[in-house]
Amino acid sequence: MLTVEDVIRIFPEVEHISDQQMKEHVIRAWQGAMEMSECTDLETVKWTMAVPGLEDTLVQHTRKVTRMAKACACEHGGVNVDLVIAGALLHDVGKVLEYAQVDGQTVTSKTGKGLRHPVSGAGLAMKFDLPYELVHIIANHSKEGDFVTRIPEAILIHHVDFVDFDIAKALLAAKK
């Protein structure tokens, strides 16, 4: 079981959330996700299987997106920084439901064959009574959000997530 201390060690950015209740939501969501997951080691779960050869982990990607999103939020102003940090930390929480770890490899889980991570992540967030805004960010950070009006914090997370994805793809392509 993932402890509070484990979540803080894995995602030290959670300590940048000033709202204690929001911080607890983030911690509980990761704990709940791992309890339901077929992944056994959060720190080795791959970030994406959409790009063969991309070796970044989910944790590395999540931390990078969180740091970039916080910097954007602080620079721009007008958005809730705690919500941005929490949303960034949780935007891909559904990946541990979409994926499984088998013989040390990350593979698509049975759940992942029918639900993409924004959907399973939003369901998880609702199960643990996270605020609507966090559910919204999780559900709409990817292409699923192209069909709704995103809140400003979700717009920020959406773009930062794709900045990391597109740069990672370009760097990988440049190595070939």
Protein backbone atom coordinates (compact mmCIF):
# COMPACT_ATOMS: atom_id res chain seq x y z
CA MET A 1 0.00 0.00 0.00
CA LEU A 2 1.15 3.49 -0.85
CA THR A 3 1.53 5.56 2.32
CA VAL A 4 1.16 9.32 2.66
CA GLU A 5 4.93 9.49 3.02
CA ASP A 6 5.37 7.45 -0.17
CA VAL A 7 3.19 9.84 -2.18
CA ILE A 8 5.08 12.87 -0.83
CA ARG A 9 8.44 11.22 -1.56
CA ILE A 10 7.39 10.24 -5.10
CA PHE A 11 5.67 13.57 -5.80
CA PRO A 12 7.37 16.18 -3.59
CA GLU A 13 5.48 18.90 -5.49
CA VAL A 14 2.42 17.98 -3.41
CA GLU A 15 4.03 20.04 -0.65
CA HIS A 16 3.65 23.14 -2.86
CA ILE A 17 -0.14 22.97 -2.38
CA SER A 18 -1.05 25.41 0.37
CA ASP A 19 -4.66 24.22 0.76
CA GLN A 20 -4.43 21.26 3.15
CA GLN A 21 -7.67 19.69 1.94
CA MET A 22 -6.52 19.87 -1.70
CA LYS A 23 -3.21 18.27 -0.68
CA GLU A 24 -5.11 15.44 1.06
CA HIS A 25 -7.25 14.92 -2.06
CA VAL A 26 -4.14 14.45 -4.20
CA ILE A 27 -2.58 12.00 -1.75
CA ARG A 28 -5.77 9.98 -1.35
CA ALA A 29 -6.37 9.81 -5.09
CA TRP A 30 -2.90 8.33 -5.70
CA GLN A 31 -3.35 5.90 -2.82
CA GLY A 32 -6.77 4.83 -4.12
CA ALA A 33 -5.51 4.51 -7.68
CA MET A 34 -2.69 2.22 -6.65
CA GLU A 35 -5.04 0.13 -4.48
CA MET A 36 -7.22 -0.46 -7.56
CA SER A 37 -4.33 -0.81 -10.00
CA GLU A 38 -2.69 -3.83 -11.58
CA CYS A 39 0.55 -1.85 -11.40
CA THR A 40 2.84 -2.94 -8.60
CA ASP A 41 5.47 -0.18 -8.61
CA LEU A 42 4.30 3.35 -9.33
CA GLU A 43 7.84 4.58 -9.88
CA THR A 44 8.44 2.24 -12.84
CA VAL A 45 5.11 2.61 -14.67
CA LYS A 46 5.73 3.93 -18.18
CA TRP A 47 4.28 7.29 -19.02
CA THR A 48 2.97 6.38 -22.44
CA MET A 49 2.90 3.45 -24.80
CA ALA A 50 1.78 5.64 -27.70
CA VAL A 51 5.38 6.36 -28.69
CA PRO A 52 7.61 3.30 -28.97
CA GLY A 53 11.04 3.98 -27.52
CA LEU A 54 9.93 6.72 -25.14
CA GLU A 55 11.26 5.55 -21.80
CA ASP A 56 10.10 8.29 -19.43
CA THR A 57 8.09 7.08 -16.46
CA LEU A 58 4.67 8.29 -15.41
CA VAL A 59 6.24 9.83 -12.30
CA GLN A 60 8.87 11.74 -14.32
CA HIS A 61 6.23 13.07 -16.71
CA THR A 62 3.81 14.01 -13.92
CA ARG A 63 6.48 15.89 -11.98
CA LYS A 64 7.67 17.71 -15.11
CA VAL A 65 4.12 18.75 -16.05
CA THR A 66 3.48 19.88 -12.47
CA ARG A 67 6.58 22.08 -12.34
CA MET A 68 5.89 23.60 -15.77
CA ALA A 69 2.20 24.17 -14.97
CA LYS A 70 3.02 25.84 -11.65
CA ALA A 71 5.51 28.16 -13.36
CA CYS A 72 2.91 29.09 -16.01
CA ALA A 73 0.22 29.63 -13.40
CA CYS A 74 2.43 31.86 -11.27
CA GLU A 75 3.56 33.86 -14.30
CA HIS A 76 0.09 34.26 -15.80
CA GLY A 77 -1.91 34.90 -12.67
CA GLY A 78 -5.68 34.71 -12.73
CA VAL A 79 -5.76 30.98 -12.05
CA ASN A 80 -5.89 29.01 -8.82
CA VAL A 81 -2.29 27.84 -8.34
CA ASP A 82 -3.22 25.14 -5.82
CA LEU A 83 -5.77 23.76 -8.29
CA VAL A 84 -3.19 23.83 -11.09
CA ILE A 85 -0.63 21.94 -8.99
CA ALA A 86 -3.22 19.40 -7.82
CA GLY A 87 -4.61 19.01 -11.33
CA ALA A 88 -1.15 18.51 -12.78
CA LEU A 89 -0.31 15.92 -10.14
CA LEU A 90 -3.52 14.04 -10.91
CA HIS A 91 -4.01 14.58 -14.65
CA ASP A 92 -2.66 11.10 -15.47
CA VAL A 93 -3.72 9.27 -12.29
CA GLY A 94 -5.93 7.06 -14.48
CA LYS A 95 -2.86 5.64 -16.22
CA VAL A 96 -2.33 3.22 -13.33
CA LEU A 97 -5.80 1.88 -14.13
CA GLU A 98 -5.22 1.94 -17.90
CA TYR A 99 -1.95 0.04 -17.52
CA ALA A 100 -0.76 -3.08 -15.72
CA GLN A 101 2.71 -4.35 -14.95
CA VAL A 102 3.44 -7.90 -16.06
CA ASP A 103 6.90 -9.44 -15.74
CA GLY A 104 8.42 -6.00 -15.26
CA GLN A 105 6.75 -4.56 -18.37
CA THR A 106 4.01 -1.96 -18.62
CA VAL A 107 1.09 -3.27 -20.69
CA THR A 108 -2.49 -2.21 -21.34
CA SER A 109 -4.80 -3.53 -18.61
CA LYS A 110 -8.26 -4.99 -19.11
CA THR A 111 -9.67 -1.64 -17.95
CA GLY A 112 -7.37 0.20 -20.35
CA LYS A 113 -8.70 -1.77 -23.31
CA GLY A 114 -12.10 -0.16 -22.76
CA LEU A 115 -11.38 3.15 -21.02
CA ARG A 116 -8.69 5.75 -21.62
CA HIS A 117 -7.00 7.25 -18.58
CA PRO A 118 -8.91 10.56 -18.58
CA VAL A 119 -12.16 8.62 -18.13
CA SER A 120 -10.90 6.14 -15.53
CA GLY A 121 -9.04 8.93 -13.72
CA ALA A 122 -12.16 11.09 -13.55
CA GLY A 123 -14.15 8.11 -12.27
CA LEU A 124 -11.52 7.53 -9.60
CA ALA A 125 -11.59 11.20 -8.63
CA MET A 126 -15.37 11.06 -8.28
CA LYS A 127 -15.16 7.88 -6.22
CA PHE A 128 -12.93 9.66 -3.73
CA ASP A 129 -15.12 12.79 -3.67
CA LEU A 130 -12.55 15.12 -5.17
CA PRO A 131 -13.79 18.60 -6.06
CA TYR A 132 -15.54 19.02 -9.39
CA GLU A 133 -12.70 21.18 -10.72
CA LEU A 134 -10.15 18.37 -10.23
CA VAL A 135 -12.47 15.84 -11.86
CA HIS A 136 -12.88 18.29 -14.75
CA ILE A 137 -9.11 18.73 -15.20
CA ILE A 138 -8.49 14.97 -15.15
CA ALA A 139 -11.36 14.21 -17.53
CA ASN A 140 -10.51 16.97 -19.99
CA HIS A 141 -6.72 17.26 -20.05
CA SER A 142 -6.46 15.21 -23.25
CA LYS A 143 -8.45 15.00 -26.47
CA GLU A 144 -11.63 14.16 -24.53
CA GLY A 145 -11.68 17.80 -23.45
CA ASP A 146 -11.89 19.03 -27.04
CA PHE A 147 -15.67 18.65 -26.82
CA VAL A 148 -16.33 20.72 -23.69
CA THR A 149 -15.51 24.18 -22.38
CA ARG A 150 -12.41 23.72 -20.22
CA ILE A 151 -11.91 25.79 -17.09
CA PRO A 152 -8.74 27.96 -17.24
CA GLU A 153 -6.76 25.55 -15.05
CA ALA A 154 -7.69 22.65 -17.36
CA ILE A 155 -6.59 24.67 -20.39
CA LEU A 156 -3.21 25.18 -18.78
CA ILE A 157 -2.77 21.48 -17.85
CA HIS A 158 -3.90 20.40 -21.34
CA HIS A 159 -1.30 22.53 -23.06
CA VAL A 160 1.57 21.79 -20.69
CA ASP A 161 0.85 18.05 -20.97
CA PHE A 162 1.08 18.25 -24.75
CA VAL A 163 4.18 20.47 -24.63
CA ASP A 164 5.95 17.69 -22.71
CA PHE A 165 4.58 15.01 -25.05
CA ASP A 166 5.49 16.84 -28.25
CA ILE A 167 8.99 17.75 -27.05
CA ALA A 168 9.64 14.17 -25.90
CA LYS A 169 8.55 12.86 -29.33
CA ALA A 170 10.74 15.39 -31.14
CA LEU A 171 13.79 14.59 -29.01
CA LEU A 172 13.27 10.87 -29.58
CA ALA A 173 12.92 11.40 -33.34
CA ALA A 174 16.10 13.50 -33.39
CA LYS A 175 18.04 10.59 -31.87
CA LYS A 176 17.05 8.27 -34.72
